[in-house]
Protein backbone atom coordinates (compact mmCIF):
# COMPACT_ATOMS: atom_id res chain seq x y z
CA MET A 1 70.43 -6.35 -9.14
CA ASP A 2 70.63 -8.60 -12.33
CA ASP A 3 67.74 -10.18 -11.05
CA VAL A 4 65.52 -7.32 -10.76
CA ALA A 5 64.04 -6.61 -13.86
CA GLN A 6 61.60 -3.83 -14.45
CA ASN A 7 57.98 -4.12 -14.05
CA ALA A 8 58.31 -7.38 -13.96
CA SER A 9 56.52 -10.45 -12.85
CA PRO A 10 57.13 -13.25 -10.19
CA ASP A 11 58.40 -15.73 -13.56
CA GLY A 12 59.95 -12.53 -15.46
CA SER A 13 57.22 -12.36 -18.31
CA PRO A 14 57.39 -9.26 -20.36
CA HIS A 15 54.52 -6.42 -19.85
CA HIS A 16 52.61 -4.39 -22.01
CA SER A 17 52.91 -0.58 -20.98
CA PRO A 18 49.33 0.63 -19.85
CA ARG A 19 47.08 3.11 -21.30
CA ARG A 20 47.38 6.54 -19.30
CA GLY A 21 44.92 9.21 -18.89
CA PRO A 22 46.07 13.12 -18.68
CA ASP A 23 47.42 12.49 -15.29
CA GLY A 24 50.09 9.99 -16.69
CA VAL A 25 48.52 7.67 -13.51
CA PRO A 26 47.46 4.24 -15.40
CA ASP A 27 43.84 4.22 -16.83
CA ALA A 28 42.42 0.77 -14.54
CA ALA A 29 41.79 -1.93 -17.23
CA PRO A 30 37.78 -3.77 -17.26
CA GLY A 31 38.00 -5.99 -14.70
CA TRP A 32 40.70 -4.74 -12.74
CA THR A 33 39.42 -3.38 -8.78
CA THR A 34 41.27 0.07 -7.95
CA THR A 35 42.13 0.36 -3.96
CA PRO A 36 43.34 4.20 -3.25
CA VAL A 37 46.21 3.82 -0.62
CA GLY A 38 45.83 4.52 3.14
CA PRO A 39 46.72 3.53 6.41
CA GLU A 40 44.79 0.44 6.51
CA LEU A 41 46.72 -1.02 4.18
CA LEU A 42 49.99 0.10 5.13
CA ARG A 43 52.57 -1.12 8.33
CA GLY A 44 56.02 0.19 8.88
CA ALA A 45 54.76 3.77 8.92
CA LEU A 46 54.36 5.99 11.36
CA GLU A 47 52.35 8.49 9.91
CA VAL A 48 50.68 8.87 6.24
CA ALA A 49 50.21 11.94 5.30
CA ARG A 50 47.68 12.94 2.26
CA THR A 51 49.38 14.41 -1.13
CA ASP A 52 48.17 15.91 -4.32
CA ARG A 53 48.99 12.38 -5.61
CA GLY A 54 47.99 10.18 -3.05
CA VAL A 55 49.35 8.96 0.45
CA LEU A 56 53.47 9.59 1.42
CA PRO A 57 53.92 7.51 4.84
CA TYR A 58 56.59 9.02 7.28
CA ARG A 59 58.73 7.40 9.83
CA LEU A 60 58.27 9.79 12.46
CA PRO A 61 54.76 12.10 13.42
CA ALA A 62 54.29 15.64 11.84
CA ARG A 63 54.88 17.11 15.39
CA ALA A 64 58.61 15.46 15.14
CA ARG A 65 58.65 16.66 11.59
CA ARG A 66 58.07 20.15 12.73
CA GLN A 67 61.07 20.13 15.13
CA ALA A 68 63.59 18.41 12.74
CA PRO A 69 65.48 19.23 10.67
CA ALA A 70 65.36 19.84 6.41
CA ASP A 71 67.88 16.68 5.74
CA LEU A 72 65.76 14.83 8.70
CA THR A 73 62.30 15.63 7.22
CA ASP A 74 63.36 14.27 3.78
CA VAL A 75 65.33 10.29 4.99
CA VAL A 76 61.81 10.00 7.11
CA ALA A 77 60.01 9.95 4.27
CA GLN A 78 62.59 7.41 2.91
CA PRO A 79 59.80 3.96 4.18
CA ALA A 80 62.74 1.52 5.21
CA GLY A 81 60.57 -1.15 6.33
CA VAL A 82 57.33 0.57 5.42
CA ARG A 83 55.47 -2.50 3.31
CA LEU A 84 51.26 -2.85 2.27
CA ALA A 85 49.65 -5.76 3.38
CA PHE A 86 46.85 -7.22 2.42
CA ARG A 87 44.74 -10.32 1.00
CA THR A 88 43.34 -10.98 -1.97
CA ARG A 89 42.72 -13.74 -4.53
CA ALA A 90 44.31 -12.03 -7.53
CA THR A 91 46.15 -12.86 -9.68
CA ALA A 92 48.46 -9.33 -10.64
CA VAL A 93 48.93 -6.47 -9.03
CA GLU A 94 49.88 -2.66 -10.17
CA LEU A 95 50.80 -0.04 -7.97
CA ASP A 96 51.25 3.42 -9.30
CA VAL A 97 53.62 5.23 -7.74
CA HIS A 98 55.62 8.51 -8.03
CA ALA A 99 59.26 8.02 -6.74
CA THR A 100 61.84 10.66 -6.24
CA THR A 101 65.60 9.64 -5.87
CA THR A 102 68.86 10.99 -5.88
CA VAL A 103 71.88 10.70 -7.47
CA TYR A 104 75.61 12.05 -6.84
CA ARG A 105 77.18 13.67 -9.85
CA GLY A 106 80.02 12.18 -10.87
CA ALA A 107 79.51 9.22 -9.23
CA PRO A 108 78.50 5.60 -10.64
CA GLN A 109 74.34 5.08 -11.11
CA PRO A 110 72.74 3.83 -8.60
CA PRO A 111 70.99 0.86 -9.03
CA ALA A 112 66.86 1.55 -9.20
CA PRO A 113 65.55 1.20 -6.30
CA VAL A 114 63.66 -1.95 -5.52
CA TYR A 115 59.88 -3.35 -4.70
CA GLU A 116 59.87 -6.87 -2.91
CA LEU A 117 56.56 -8.82 -3.52
CA LEU A 118 56.08 -11.31 -0.22
CA VAL A 119 53.23 -13.76 -0.64
CA ASP A 120 52.25 -15.65 2.71
CA GLY A 121 55.82 -14.44 4.10
CA SER A 122 57.79 -15.96 0.81
CA PRO A 123 59.49 -13.99 -1.41
CA ALA A 124 57.56 -13.68 -5.03
CA GLY A 125 58.78 -11.03 -6.95
CA ARG A 126 60.85 -7.75 -7.42
CA ALA A 127 60.26 -5.20 -9.65
CA VAL A 128 61.42 -1.10 -10.12
CA ALA A 129 58.92 1.55 -11.76
CA ASP A 130 58.83 3.27 -14.19
CA GLY A 131 59.07 7.39 -14.70
CA GLY A 132 59.65 9.00 -11.71
CA ASP A 133 61.86 12.85 -10.21
CA VAL A 134 65.17 12.66 -9.92
CA ARG A 135 67.34 14.94 -7.73
CA THR A 136 70.68 15.30 -8.74
CA VAL A 137 73.10 16.36 -5.80
CA ASP A 138 77.12 17.74 -5.96
CA ILE A 139 78.93 16.49 -3.19
CA THR A 140 81.59 19.57 -3.45
CA THR A 141 78.28 22.22 -3.02
CA TRP A 142 76.01 19.64 -1.55
CA SER A 143 73.32 22.28 -3.99
CA ALA A 144 70.43 20.24 -5.58
CA GLU A 145 69.17 19.83 -8.98
CA HIS A 146 65.19 18.98 -9.61
CA THR A 147 64.39 17.14 -12.62
CA PRO A 148 60.63 15.88 -12.84
CA GLY A 149 58.94 13.16 -14.07
CA PRO A 150 56.20 11.66 -14.56
CA PRO A 151 54.08 8.76 -12.36
CA GLY A 152 54.77 5.14 -12.30
CA THR A 153 53.49 1.87 -11.60
CA VAL A 154 54.95 -1.51 -10.31
CA ARG A 155 53.54 -4.42 -11.53
CA PHE A 156 53.64 -8.70 -10.19
CA THR A 157 51.72 -11.06 -12.28
CA GLY A 158 51.20 -14.80 -12.49
CA LEU A 159 50.31 -15.25 -8.95
CA ALA A 160 47.84 -17.83 -7.80
CA ALA A 161 44.17 -17.32 -7.52
CA ALA A 162 44.16 -18.81 -4.04
CA GLU A 163 43.26 -16.85 -1.05
CA LYS A 164 46.20 -15.43 0.39
CA ASP A 165 48.51 -12.22 1.96
CA VAL A 166 50.16 -10.34 0.24
CA GLU A 167 52.93 -7.76 1.14
CA ILE A 168 54.62 -5.26 -1.19
CA TRP A 169 58.08 -3.47 0.53
CA LEU A 170 58.45 -0.33 -0.45
CA PRO A 171 62.30 0.63 -1.17
CA TYR A 172 64.58 2.14 1.35
CA ARG A 173 66.10 4.45 -0.90
CA GLY A 174 64.15 7.25 -1.97
CA VAL A 175 60.37 9.43 -1.51
CA HIS A 176 58.07 7.25 -2.95
CA GLU A 177 54.05 8.59 -2.84
CA LEU A 178 51.76 5.77 -3.57
CA ILE A 179 48.85 6.81 -6.09
CA ALA A 180 46.61 3.41 -6.22
CA LEU A 181 46.70 -0.09 -5.93
CA ARG A 182 45.15 -2.34 -8.93
CA THR A 183 44.55 -5.96 -8.67
CA ASP A 184 42.26 -8.18 -11.10
CA ALA A 185 40.52 -9.66 -7.78
CA PRO A 186 39.04 -7.48 -4.37
CA VAL A 187 41.41 -6.62 -1.46
CA GLU A 188 40.99 -6.08 2.17
CA PRO A 189 43.62 -5.52 4.94
CA ALA A 190 45.57 -8.07 6.01
CA PRO A 191 44.58 -9.66 9.17
CA ASP A 192 47.14 -8.44 12.31
CA PRO A 193 49.54 -11.26 11.89
CA GLY A 194 49.45 -11.52 16.04
CA ARG A 195 53.33 -11.09 16.75
CA ARG A 196 55.18 -8.99 18.69
CA VAL A 197 56.60 -5.48 17.12
CA TRP A 198 59.83 -4.73 17.54
CA LEU A 199 60.88 -0.58 16.84
CA HIS A 200 64.19 -0.03 16.54
CA HIS A 201 66.07 2.88 15.81
CA GLY A 202 69.69 3.32 14.09
CA SER A 203 71.47 5.37 11.63
CA SER A 204 72.05 4.42 8.01
CA ILE A 205 72.92 0.49 8.30
CA SER A 206 69.44 0.23 10.30
CA HIS A 207 67.74 2.61 7.39
CA GLY A 208 69.62 0.09 4.83
CA SER A 209 72.42 1.53 3.05
CA ASN A 210 74.16 -0.50 0.44
CA ALA A 211 71.18 -3.90 1.15
CA ASP A 212 70.49 -5.75 -2.17
CA GLY A 213 66.79 -4.67 -1.22
CA PRO A 214 63.62 -3.84 0.94
CA THR A 215 63.74 -7.02 2.24
CA GLY A 216 67.20 -7.05 2.36
CA THR A 217 68.14 -4.47 5.33
CA TRP A 218 69.56 -5.86 7.90
CA PRO A 219 66.77 -5.00 10.09
CA ALA A 220 64.41 -6.83 7.46
CA LEU A 221 66.18 -9.90 7.97
CA ALA A 222 66.57 -10.02 11.77
CA ALA A 223 63.02 -9.29 11.72
CA ALA A 224 62.33 -12.16 9.51
CA ARG A 225 64.14 -15.04 11.06
CA ALA A 226 62.85 -14.02 14.32
CA GLY A 227 59.12 -13.63 13.69
CA VAL A 228 58.36 -10.25 14.30
CA GLU A 229 56.90 -6.93 13.06
CA LEU A 230 59.07 -4.55 12.15
CA VAL A 231 58.89 -0.85 12.37
CA ASN A 232 62.16 0.46 11.10
CA LEU A 233 63.23 4.13 12.47
CA GLY A 234 66.73 3.73 11.01
CA PHE A 235 67.12 7.21 9.92
CA SER A 236 70.69 7.96 7.52
CA GLY A 237 72.77 10.16 9.03
CA ASN A 238 70.66 10.99 11.92
CA ALA A 239 70.86 8.86 14.78
CA LEU A 240 72.23 11.39 16.79
CA LEU A 241 69.60 11.24 19.82
CA ASP A 242 67.12 13.84 19.29
CA PRO A 243 64.38 14.57 22.01
CA PHE A 244 62.15 14.45 18.82
CA THR A 245 63.39 11.13 18.73
CA ALA A 246 62.91 9.48 21.47
CA ARG A 247 59.24 11.02 22.19
CA ALA A 248 57.94 9.80 18.61
CA MET A 249 59.14 6.23 20.57
CA ARG A 250 57.46 6.80 23.85
CA ASP A 251 54.48 8.01 21.75
CA THR A 252 54.40 4.45 19.54
CA PRO A 253 53.48 0.73 21.17
CA ALA A 254 55.95 -1.69 20.84
CA ASP A 255 56.78 -5.38 22.33
CA LEU A 256 60.33 -4.91 22.04
CA ILE A 257 62.85 -1.71 21.70
CA SER A 258 66.29 -1.45 20.25
CA LEU A 259 68.80 1.50 20.20
CA LYS A 260 71.93 1.16 18.05
CA ILE A 261 73.57 4.19 18.71
CA GLY A 262 77.36 6.12 18.07
CA ILE A 263 78.54 5.89 14.34
CA ASN A 264 76.43 9.36 13.87
CA LEU A 265 77.86 11.12 16.86
CA VAL A 266 81.08 10.28 15.33
CA ASN A 267 81.16 11.19 11.88
CA HIS A 268 79.38 14.45 12.40
CA ASP A 269 80.95 15.20 15.27
CA VAL A 270 78.21 16.83 17.47
CA MET A 271 78.75 16.17 20.95
CA ARG A 272 81.54 15.61 23.79
CA LEU A 273 81.59 12.69 25.95
CA ARG A 274 80.14 15.31 28.61
CA ALA A 275 76.83 15.68 26.46
CA PHE A 276 76.47 12.60 24.93
CA THR A 277 75.85 10.83 28.76
CA ALA A 278 73.52 13.29 28.99
CA ALA A 279 71.81 12.37 25.91
CA VAL A 280 71.85 8.75 26.40
CA HIS A 281 70.37 9.39 29.69
CA GLY A 282 68.43 11.80 28.79
CA PHE A 283 66.87 9.62 25.49
CA LEU A 284 66.48 6.32 27.95
CA ASP A 285 64.12 8.05 30.22
CA THR A 286 61.74 9.30 27.78
CA LEU A 287 61.25 6.01 26.83
CA ARG A 288 60.69 4.99 30.18
CA GLU A 289 58.07 7.51 29.93
CA GLY A 290 55.95 5.47 27.65
CA HIS A 291 57.50 2.08 27.83
CA PRO A 292 58.47 1.72 31.83
CA THR A 293 58.69 -2.31 31.49
CA THR A 294 59.34 -2.79 27.37
CA PRO A 295 62.45 -4.66 26.76
CA VAL A 296 64.66 -2.24 25.37
CA LEU A 297 68.14 -3.32 24.03
CA VAL A 298 70.83 -0.68 23.51
CA VAL A 299 73.43 -1.71 20.80
CA SER A 300 76.96 -0.07 20.24
CA PRO A 301 78.49 1.02 16.92
CA ILE A 302 80.03 -2.38 14.34
CA HIS A 303 83.57 -1.99 13.13
CA CYS A 304 84.44 0.27 11.31
CA PRO A 305 88.12 1.09 10.90
CA ILE A 306 87.90 4.99 10.46
CA HIS A 307 86.52 5.69 13.54
CA GLU A 308 87.36 3.08 16.19
CA ASP A 309 90.23 6.05 17.36
CA THR A 310 89.87 8.94 14.73
CA PRO A 311 87.08 11.55 16.33
CA GLY A 312 84.80 13.18 13.14
CA PRO A 313 83.59 14.60 10.95
CA ALA A 314 83.84 12.41 8.07
CA ALA A 315 84.09 13.33 4.84
CA ALA A 316 82.57 11.93 1.18
CA ALA A 317 84.61 11.96 -1.41
CA LEU A 318 84.45 10.38 -5.55
CA ARG A 319 88.12 8.29 -5.24
CA ASP A 320 88.51 5.57 -7.94
CA GLY A 321 84.71 6.53 -9.58
CA ARG A 322 83.53 5.40 -5.88
CA LEU A 323 81.78 6.91 -3.43
CA ARG A 324 84.35 6.85 0.11
CA PHE A 325 84.07 8.13 3.67
CA ARG A 326 87.04 9.22 5.76
CA ALA A 327 87.84 10.47 9.12
CA LEU A 328 89.15 14.09 10.26
CA GLY A 329 89.65 14.11 13.63
CA ASP A 330 92.58 14.03 15.51
CA PRO A 331 93.33 10.58 17.90
CA ALA A 332 94.74 12.48 20.20
CA GLU A 333 91.77 14.36 21.30
CA ALA A 334 89.90 11.53 22.43
CA ALA A 335 91.79 12.03 25.36
CA HIS A 336 90.03 15.32 26.49
CA GLY A 337 86.17 13.97 25.19
CA ARG A 338 85.49 14.03 21.85
CA LEU A 339 84.15 10.54 20.41
CA THR A 340 85.06 7.98 18.60
CA LEU A 341 83.66 4.41 18.14
CA ARG A 342 86.26 3.23 21.09
CA VAL A 343 84.47 5.93 23.02
CA VAL A 344 81.04 5.21 22.26
CA ARG A 345 81.02 1.65 23.47
CA ASP A 346 82.76 1.91 26.49
CA GLU A 347 80.33 4.81 27.60
CA LEU A 348 77.70 2.55 26.09
CA ALA A 349 77.74 0.08 28.13
CA ARG A 350 79.05 1.62 31.91
CA ILE A 351 75.96 3.71 31.28
CA THR A 352 73.24 0.58 30.63
CA ALA A 353 75.22 -1.84 33.52
CA ALA A 354 74.71 1.24 35.81
CA ARG A 355 71.00 2.10 34.88
CA ALA A 356 70.24 -1.82 34.65
CA ALA A 357 70.49 -1.95 38.48
CA ASP A 358 67.51 -0.69 38.71
CA ASP A 359 65.69 -1.47 35.36
CA PRO A 360 65.92 -5.25 35.18
CA HIS A 361 64.45 -4.88 30.80
CA LEU A 362 67.43 -2.39 30.55
CA HIS A 363 70.08 -4.22 27.72
CA HIS A 364 73.19 -3.74 26.25
CA LEU A 365 74.84 -5.82 22.74
CA ASP A 366 78.74 -4.60 21.91
CA GLY A 367 77.92 -4.31 17.96
CA ARG A 368 81.05 -5.80 16.91
CA ALA A 369 79.49 -8.96 17.84
CA LEU A 370 77.35 -8.65 15.44
CA TYR A 371 80.37 -7.47 12.97
CA GLY A 372 83.61 -7.13 14.02
CA GLU A 373 87.00 -7.10 12.74
CA ALA A 374 87.14 -10.78 11.51
CA ASP A 375 83.67 -10.06 9.69
CA PHE A 376 85.51 -6.47 8.22
CA ALA A 377 88.28 -8.81 6.71
CA GLU A 378 86.04 -11.18 5.07
CA PHE A 379 83.39 -8.46 4.05
CA PRO A 380 84.93 -5.21 3.88
CA LEU A 381 83.15 -1.97 3.38
CA PRO A 382 82.84 -0.82 0.31
CA ASP A 383 82.91 2.81 0.76
CA ASP A 384 84.96 2.44 4.60
CA LEU A 385 81.32 3.09 6.56
CA HIS A 386 78.02 1.28 5.29
CA PRO A 387 78.36 -2.74 4.87
CA ASP A 388 77.32 -4.44 1.20
CA ALA A 389 74.65 -6.61 1.26
CA ALA A 390 76.69 -9.89 1.98
CA GLY A 391 77.54 -7.31 5.52
CA HIS A 392 73.42 -6.90 5.70
CA ARG A 393 73.31 -10.69 6.18
CA ARG A 394 75.44 -11.18 8.46
CA ILE A 395 74.98 -8.22 10.96
CA GLY A 396 70.85 -9.70 10.38
CA GLU A 397 71.71 -13.65 11.28
CA ARG A 398 73.78 -12.58 14.09
CA PHE A 399 70.90 -9.93 15.46
CA ALA A 400 68.41 -12.70 14.95
CA ASP A 401 70.72 -15.12 17.20
CA ARG A 402 72.20 -12.89 19.38
CA ALA A 403 69.89 -10.23 20.49
CA PHE A 404 66.67 -12.08 20.04
CA GLY A 405 67.91 -15.57 21.43
CA SER A 406 69.04 -13.43 24.71
CA ALA A 407 67.18 -12.28 27.31
CA TRP A 408 66.24 -9.27 25.87
CA ALA A 409 63.76 -11.02 23.52
CA ARG A 410 62.49 -13.43 25.96
C-alpha cells in the first residue's frame, strides 16, 4: 500500500487542507460546483438511502435488510464494487465522506481504506480520506467500542481539462456515507456504457478481503478484463443461501449471474448436507422466477486447506501478531452430513448437472480451477482463509478466462 497517499492527486502533489464549516464539511471554493450525491451518480448499489449527512449506498434493498441479522446489515452497507460515475471537464475532484472503519484490538492496524479514480476506464489516482469514525472490536468477546470522528475529504487533482468519464470506486472495507461531490467544472451522470450487467454473489473473498484496493478485488478485476458492469453482492461471512438474498437477486436486472457457494456454509457450520441440497435448489428456483433464461454460473469453493476435509465452525485468533483462522470440526463427521469443501464441491457438481438437463442456461465451475493446490503453494492464504492481493489477481484473471470465456458468457 506504499503507493497510496492521503488526499493524493494522481501525480502525488500536496494539497492544502480546505476551510471547513461548523459541521466539519469543507466550504466550497469560488468557481467550484457542489453536486449532491444521489442514485443517478452511483453504480453497483441496489439501493441508496438518505442519511442525516448525505447518502449511504446499500448492496441489498430495505426489504431484505429488514430480514437480515445485524452483522449482515453492516456488511451490505460496505460498498464493495460501488462507484460514482460521471462525465466532466473538471481538473480537480473532491468527495466529502464520513467513513466508519473497523479495527481489531491487538491486531496490526489495517491500511486505510482506499478510494480509486478511473478516467475513461484507466487508473488515474488513489487516495484515502481523513477523519471518520472507528469501531474497535475485541475478538475474544466480539464487543465493540465506537469512537466518533469528523467528516473527511478525498481529493484528486491534475486531471486533463477535456471531457471525460470519471469513476470513483469506493473502498470495499468500512461504511462510507457520501456527503457531496465538488469539482472545478460541472458534472453530469455518465451515460449508460451499454455493457452487459454481471450480478455476482459470494463470500468475503468475493467481497474483497485482503485485496489491495476496490478495483483489485477479483470480481472487479474479472469485470474489467471481460468488459462488463459489475454488481458485487459478495457479503463477508454471509454467503449463506439466505432466501432474502435470492429474492433480491431475482428482482435485480442482470445479463449474467454467478453464485460462489460454500466456504461460509462450512466455516459457520450452519447446516448439514440434507439441508444444503434443499437450500441450493431453493436459491436457484427463486432466481429462475425472475431470470428464467439468464445464464447462471454456480461456482464451488477455491482451495482452502483448513476446510478441505475438516468441517466448521472456524475460529479466529491472534497468532504471531496476525489474525489467523482454524477449523474446529471433526473430519470423521463428514460421513454423517457435516459439510467440508470437498463435500460441497461434489454436491454442487451433482445438483447443477441434474438441473442442467432441463435448464440449458445453468452452468458449473469448480473453484479449484480459479485457485487450487498449486496456486496455494505459490500464493498461500495469509490468514489461512482469504487470498492476498496476488491471489485476487490470479482468481480474477482465471475467472475472466475460464468463466467469461465459457458457454455461460457467450
